[in-house]
Amino acid sequence: MKVGIMVNERKPDARAAVGALVDVLRTRDIEVLLHRDAAVLMQLDGFFDAEELGRQADVIAVLGGDGTMLAAMEKLGTCDKPVAGINIGTLGFLTSCTDGELELFADALVRGDFGTSERVLLHAEITHPDGCTAEYSALNEIVLARGQTGKLVNLMARINGELLNHYRADGLIVATPTGSTAYSLSAGGPLISPDCAVFVVTPICPHSLSYRSLVVNDSSVVEIVPEGNSDEAMFFTVDGRDIVPIFAGSRVMVKKSHRTFHLLILKNRSFYKALRQKLGWRG
């Protein structure tokens, strides 16, 4: 087996975590392939860019947190290998284990004692007023929100070409089930099990209390259009990155991507267990 290692090198304990993971893998005769950032952190020669790492490795281990996993998803491109998140700290929604469980992780790889959770991605396309287009992929969510002025924005949303609503709010979120535990949850959206074939459309701090989240089938196409005469830009973001100014006359189309993300799940770990731990449920 070959295991590729990616890391958030800005984490305080990143170097120690990478070194410990390399040691436990090599003692089990697992070949280690390092991404560029991991190799630089460890001051080692020989490394791979993310897409090549995805082609060469059997499993990708990503050390950091949920944000690191989101960034890794983008860097890995079309990789369809299992990706294991190893949280440097506490358990996250996208992580398989913590950096204190490296022996457990390595033994599970040797035994093949793990599964995968196939996560849906969003595909978003922006059409700017000049006709130029740009495309993005998201594991959690895409957001169209107010810019730097702090003023509410006006947005129109359509589902499969039919008007959903005219929103006056801080913005609008379109999230996957994976993203239902992220920004959408903070904005009052529902928790959704990862195996549900749906998206959730959640307004951010809407002007009217009647504006609520809406869950739609993931075969739906969601269109978001800025309204009003303001020359001020709104901000489009993908999983908290790729901040793109959006002006009146633009259009954002969101639908299910043909790609998926394969999250490695260890035995006796589940979405529901993560919910209980992260949200402090005691029932």
Protein backbone atom coordinates (compact mmCIF):
# COMPACT_ATOMS: atom_id res chain seq x y z
CA MET A 1 0.00 0.00 0.00
CA LYS A 2 1.06 3.57 -0.72
CA VAL A 3 -0.16 6.43 1.48
CA GLY A 4 0.15 10.04 0.36
CA ILE A 5 0.51 12.71 3.06
CA MET A 6 -0.75 16.27 2.84
CA VAL A 7 -0.58 18.74 5.74
CA ASN A 8 -1.55 22.19 6.90
CA GLU A 9 1.99 23.33 7.63
CA ARG A 10 0.71 26.31 9.64
CA LYS A 11 -0.63 24.10 12.45
CA PRO A 12 1.66 24.39 15.51
CA ASP A 13 2.15 20.62 15.82
CA ALA A 14 2.20 19.87 12.09
CA ARG A 15 5.86 18.83 11.86
CA ALA A 16 5.60 16.43 14.80
CA ALA A 17 2.38 14.94 13.45
CA VAL A 18 3.83 14.29 9.98
CA GLY A 19 6.95 12.73 11.49
CA ALA A 20 4.89 10.47 13.73
CA LEU A 21 2.62 9.39 10.87
CA VAL A 22 5.58 8.60 8.60
CA ASP A 23 7.13 6.49 11.36
CA VAL A 24 4.01 4.42 12.12
CA LEU A 25 3.36 3.80 8.41
CA ARG A 26 6.92 2.76 7.61
CA THR A 27 7.08 0.36 10.57
CA ARG A 28 4.16 -1.44 8.90
CA ASP A 29 5.92 -1.54 5.51
CA ILE A 30 3.55 1.05 4.03
CA GLU A 31 5.20 3.23 1.42
CA VAL A 32 4.94 6.95 2.14
CA LEU A 33 4.55 9.62 -0.55
CA LEU A 34 4.82 13.25 0.51
CA HIS A 35 3.03 16.24 -0.92
CA ARG A 36 5.22 19.26 -1.54
CA ASP A 37 4.15 21.09 1.66
CA ALA A 38 4.82 18.03 3.82
CA ALA A 39 8.25 17.48 2.27
CA VAL A 40 9.25 21.12 2.76
CA LEU A 41 8.03 21.01 6.37
CA MET A 42 10.12 17.90 7.04
CA GLN A 43 13.08 19.25 5.02
CA LEU A 44 13.06 16.16 2.80
CA ASP A 45 13.76 15.77 -0.89
CA GLY A 46 11.35 13.96 -3.17
CA PHE A 47 7.74 15.02 -3.27
CA PHE A 48 4.63 15.07 -5.45
CA ASP A 49 2.17 17.75 -6.44
CA ALA A 50 -1.38 17.09 -5.26
CA GLU A 51 -2.82 15.65 -8.47
CA GLU A 52 0.12 13.29 -8.98
CA LEU A 53 -0.12 12.25 -5.34
CA GLY A 54 -3.77 11.38 -5.98
CA ARG A 55 -2.78 9.19 -8.92
CA GLN A 56 0.11 7.40 -7.20
CA ALA A 57 -1.23 6.78 -3.69
CA ASP A 58 -3.84 4.24 -2.61
CA VAL A 59 -4.98 6.41 0.30
CA ILE A 60 -4.43 10.12 0.99
CA ALA A 61 -3.89 11.22 4.61
CA VAL A 62 -4.57 14.91 5.26
CA LEU A 63 -3.28 16.32 8.55
CA GLY A 64 -4.97 19.44 9.83
CA GLY A 65 -8.66 20.12 10.34
CA ASP A 66 -11.85 20.40 8.34
CA GLY A 67 -10.53 23.49 6.55
CA THR A 68 -7.43 21.56 5.50
CA MET A 69 -9.66 18.80 4.11
CA LEU A 70 -11.64 21.33 2.07
CA ALA A 71 -8.43 22.76 0.62
CA ALA A 72 -7.12 19.26 -0.11
CA MET A 73 -10.29 18.38 -2.02
CA GLU A 74 -9.66 21.29 -4.39
CA LYS A 75 -5.96 20.48 -4.82
CA LEU A 76 -6.54 16.76 -5.48
CA GLY A 77 -8.75 17.52 -8.47
CA THR A 78 -10.35 14.41 -9.94
CA CYS A 79 -8.79 12.02 -7.41
CA ASP A 80 -11.16 9.19 -6.51
CA LYS A 81 -8.98 7.58 -3.83
CA PRO A 82 -10.08 7.42 -0.15
CA VAL A 83 -9.05 10.57 1.72
CA ALA A 84 -8.52 10.33 5.48
CA GLY A 85 -8.59 13.46 7.58
CA ILE A 86 -6.30 13.34 10.61
CA ASN A 87 -7.20 16.20 12.92
CA ILE A 88 -4.33 17.91 14.70
CA GLY A 89 -6.43 18.58 17.78
CA THR A 90 -9.99 17.37 18.26
CA LEU A 91 -12.32 15.33 16.07
CA GLY A 92 -13.89 17.24 13.16
CA PHE A 93 -16.83 16.40 10.92
CA LEU A 94 -14.52 15.61 7.97
CA THR A 95 -11.74 13.88 9.85
CA SER A 96 -11.28 10.14 10.33
CA CYS A 97 -9.26 10.31 13.56
CA THR A 98 -6.96 12.58 15.58
CA ASP A 99 -3.18 12.78 15.62
CA GLY A 100 -3.31 10.80 18.86
CA GLU A 101 -4.74 7.81 17.01
CA LEU A 102 -2.07 7.25 14.36
CA GLU A 103 -1.36 3.67 15.43
CA LEU A 104 -5.09 2.88 15.16
CA PHE A 105 -5.18 4.49 11.71
CA ALA A 106 -2.12 2.62 10.41
CA ASP A 107 -3.38 -0.73 11.73
CA ALA A 108 -6.76 -0.15 10.05
CA LEU A 109 -5.00 0.42 6.73
CA VAL A 110 -2.99 -2.79 7.08
CA ARG A 111 -6.12 -4.81 7.86
CA GLY A 112 -8.30 -3.02 5.34
CA ASP A 113 -10.59 -2.31 8.26
CA PHE A 114 -12.15 0.90 6.96
CA GLY A 115 -14.88 2.10 4.65
CA THR A 116 -15.59 5.17 2.57
CA SER A 117 -18.38 7.71 2.52
CA GLU A 118 -18.98 9.09 -0.97
CA ARG A 119 -19.74 12.79 -0.66
CA VAL A 120 -21.53 14.86 -3.29
CA LEU A 121 -19.82 18.01 -4.61
CA LEU A 122 -21.38 21.19 -5.92
CA HIS A 123 -20.52 22.57 -9.34
CA ALA A 124 -20.96 26.34 -9.61
CA GLU A 125 -20.67 28.48 -12.71
CA ILE A 126 -20.55 32.27 -12.63
CA THR A 127 -21.55 34.21 -15.73
CA HIS A 128 -20.29 37.79 -15.46
CA PRO A 129 -21.96 40.79 -17.18
CA ASP A 130 -19.32 40.75 -19.94
CA GLY A 131 -20.18 37.12 -20.77
CA CYS A 132 -17.04 35.64 -19.20
CA THR A 133 -17.59 32.50 -17.13
CA ALA A 134 -15.76 30.74 -14.31
CA GLU A 135 -16.36 27.33 -12.74
CA TYR A 136 -15.80 26.06 -9.21
CA SER A 137 -16.30 22.90 -7.13
CA ALA A 138 -17.34 22.82 -3.48
CA LEU A 139 -17.58 20.09 -0.87
CA ASN A 140 -19.44 22.18 1.71
CA GLU A 141 -21.14 25.17 0.14
CA ILE A 142 -21.16 28.12 -2.19
CA VAL A 143 -22.14 31.50 -0.77
CA LEU A 144 -23.20 34.77 -2.36
CA ALA A 145 -23.08 37.45 0.33
CA ARG A 146 -22.86 41.16 1.01
CA GLY A 147 -19.59 42.95 0.40
CA GLN A 148 -17.66 45.29 2.65
CA THR A 149 -20.36 47.91 3.24
CA GLY A 150 -22.42 45.87 5.68
CA LYS A 151 -25.66 46.62 3.81
CA LEU A 152 -28.27 43.96 3.09
CA VAL A 153 -28.30 42.69 -0.47
CA ASN A 154 -31.13 41.78 -2.81
CA LEU A 155 -31.00 38.36 -4.45
CA MET A 156 -33.37 36.37 -6.61
CA ALA A 157 -33.26 32.57 -6.49
CA ARG A 158 -34.76 30.12 -8.97
CA ILE A 159 -35.01 26.33 -8.72
CA ASN A 160 -35.03 24.57 -12.10
CA GLY A 161 -36.01 27.84 -13.74
CA GLU A 162 -38.95 28.53 -11.40
CA LEU A 163 -38.88 31.51 -9.04
CA LEU A 164 -38.16 30.51 -5.45
CA ASN A 165 -37.94 33.92 -3.78
CA HIS A 166 -36.63 37.46 -3.81
CA TYR A 167 -34.38 37.68 -0.76
CA ARG A 168 -33.25 40.72 1.19
CA ALA A 169 -30.54 39.39 3.47
CA ASP A 170 -26.82 39.25 4.19
CA GLY A 171 -26.57 36.55 1.55
CA LEU A 172 -27.59 33.08 0.44
CA ILE A 173 -25.96 29.67 0.95
CA VAL A 174 -26.34 26.56 -1.20
CA ALA A 175 -24.93 23.63 0.78
CA THR A 176 -24.43 19.89 0.35
CA PRO A 177 -25.35 17.47 3.13
CA THR A 178 -21.66 17.57 4.10
CA GLY A 179 -21.89 21.35 4.32
CA SER A 180 -25.05 21.25 6.41
CA THR A 181 -22.83 21.10 9.52
CA ALA A 182 -20.85 24.19 8.47
CA TYR A 183 -21.95 27.73 7.51
CA SER A 184 -25.52 26.68 6.75
CA LEU A 185 -25.91 25.34 10.30
CA SER A 186 -24.59 28.61 11.73
CA ALA A 187 -27.18 30.46 9.62
CA GLY A 188 -30.02 28.32 11.02
CA GLY A 189 -30.14 25.57 8.41
CA PRO A 190 -30.98 21.92 9.18
CA LEU A 191 -28.57 19.08 9.85
CA ILE A 192 -28.63 16.59 6.96
CA SER A 193 -27.24 13.07 6.89
CA PRO A 194 -24.46 12.71 4.28
CA ASP A 195 -26.29 9.93 2.42
CA CYS A 196 -29.30 12.13 1.58
CA ALA A 197 -29.57 13.14 -2.09
CA VAL A 198 -30.40 16.78 -1.39
CA PHE A 199 -29.08 20.34 -1.22
CA VAL A 200 -30.15 23.01 1.25
CA VAL A 201 -30.70 26.68 0.35
CA THR A 202 -30.26 28.86 3.44
CA PRO A 203 -30.61 32.66 3.68
CA ILE A 204 -28.09 34.49 5.88
CA CYS A 205 -29.66 36.88 8.42
CA PRO A 206 -32.75 37.55 6.26
CA HIS A 207 -34.74 40.76 6.66
CA SER A 208 -37.97 38.75 7.01
CA LEU A 209 -38.37 36.03 9.63
CA SER A 210 -40.53 34.11 7.14
CA TYR A 211 -37.47 33.35 5.00
CA ARG A 212 -36.38 29.82 5.90
CA SER A 213 -34.02 27.14 4.64
CA LEU A 214 -35.33 24.96 1.84
CA VAL A 215 -34.19 21.40 1.15
CA VAL A 216 -34.30 20.44 -2.55
CA ASN A 217 -33.42 17.33 -4.53
CA ASP A 218 -29.77 17.29 -5.60
CA SER A 219 -30.85 16.93 -9.23
CA SER A 220 -32.05 20.55 -8.98
CA VAL A 221 -30.33 23.51 -10.61
CA VAL A 222 -30.20 26.56 -8.33
CA GLU A 223 -29.82 29.97 -9.96
CA ILE A 224 -28.90 33.04 -7.92
CA VAL A 225 -29.06 36.52 -9.43
CA PRO A 226 -28.11 39.82 -7.71
CA GLU A 227 -30.87 42.41 -7.91
CA GLY A 228 -30.99 46.17 -7.48
CA ASN A 229 -29.04 49.06 -8.93
CA SER A 230 -26.09 49.10 -6.54
CA ASP A 231 -22.62 49.31 -8.06
CA GLU A 232 -21.13 47.69 -4.97
CA ALA A 233 -19.83 44.15 -5.35
CA MET A 234 -21.19 41.13 -3.55
CA PHE A 235 -18.78 38.34 -2.66
CA PHE A 236 -18.98 34.79 -4.00
CA THR A 237 -17.08 32.17 -1.99
CA VAL A 238 -16.51 28.43 -2.34
CA ASP A 239 -15.92 26.52 0.91
CA GLY A 240 -14.67 29.77 2.43
CA ARG A 241 -12.08 30.40 -0.31
CA ASP A 242 -11.92 31.82 -3.86
CA ILE A 243 -13.47 35.18 -2.98
CA VAL A 244 -14.88 36.54 -6.24
CA PRO A 245 -16.58 39.98 -6.60
CA ILE A 246 -20.04 39.67 -8.13
CA PHE A 247 -21.84 42.66 -9.65
CA ALA A 248 -25.36 43.34 -10.87
CA GLY A 249 -25.92 41.56 -14.18
CA SER A 250 -24.07 38.44 -13.05
CA ARG A 251 -25.63 35.01 -12.58
CA VAL A 252 -24.58 32.03 -10.48
CA MET A 253 -25.76 28.53 -11.44
CA VAL A 254 -25.29 25.70 -8.94
CA LYS A 255 -25.86 22.00 -9.54
CA LYS A 256 -24.50 18.60 -8.54
CA SER A 257 -21.00 17.91 -9.81
CA HIS A 258 -20.18 14.76 -11.75
CA ARG A 259 -17.30 14.35 -9.29
CA THR A 260 -17.57 12.96 -5.77
CA PHE A 261 -15.24 12.97 -2.76
CA HIS A 262 -14.40 9.68 -1.02
CA LEU A 263 -14.03 10.22 2.72
CA LEU A 264 -12.28 7.40 4.58
CA ILE A 265 -14.25 6.18 7.61
CA LEU A 266 -12.69 4.03 10.34
CA LYS A 267 -14.63 1.22 11.97
CA ASN A 268 -16.98 2.35 14.76
CA ARG A 269 -16.87 5.95 13.50
CA SER A 270 -19.92 7.60 11.97
CA PHE A 271 -21.56 10.92 11.14
CA TYR A 272 -23.91 10.48 14.08
CA LYS A 273 -21.08 9.85 16.52
CA ALA A 274 -19.38 13.01 15.25
CA LEU A 275 -22.63 14.93 15.79
CA ARG A 276 -22.85 13.76 19.39
CA GLN A 277 -19.23 14.70 20.05
CA LYS A 278 -19.10 18.04 18.25
CA LEU A 279 -22.52 19.30 19.35
CA GLY A 280 -22.32 17.95 22.88
CA TRP A 281 -25.43 15.80 22.66
CA ARG A 282 -25.98 13.68 25.74
CA GLY A 283 -29.15 11.80 24.80
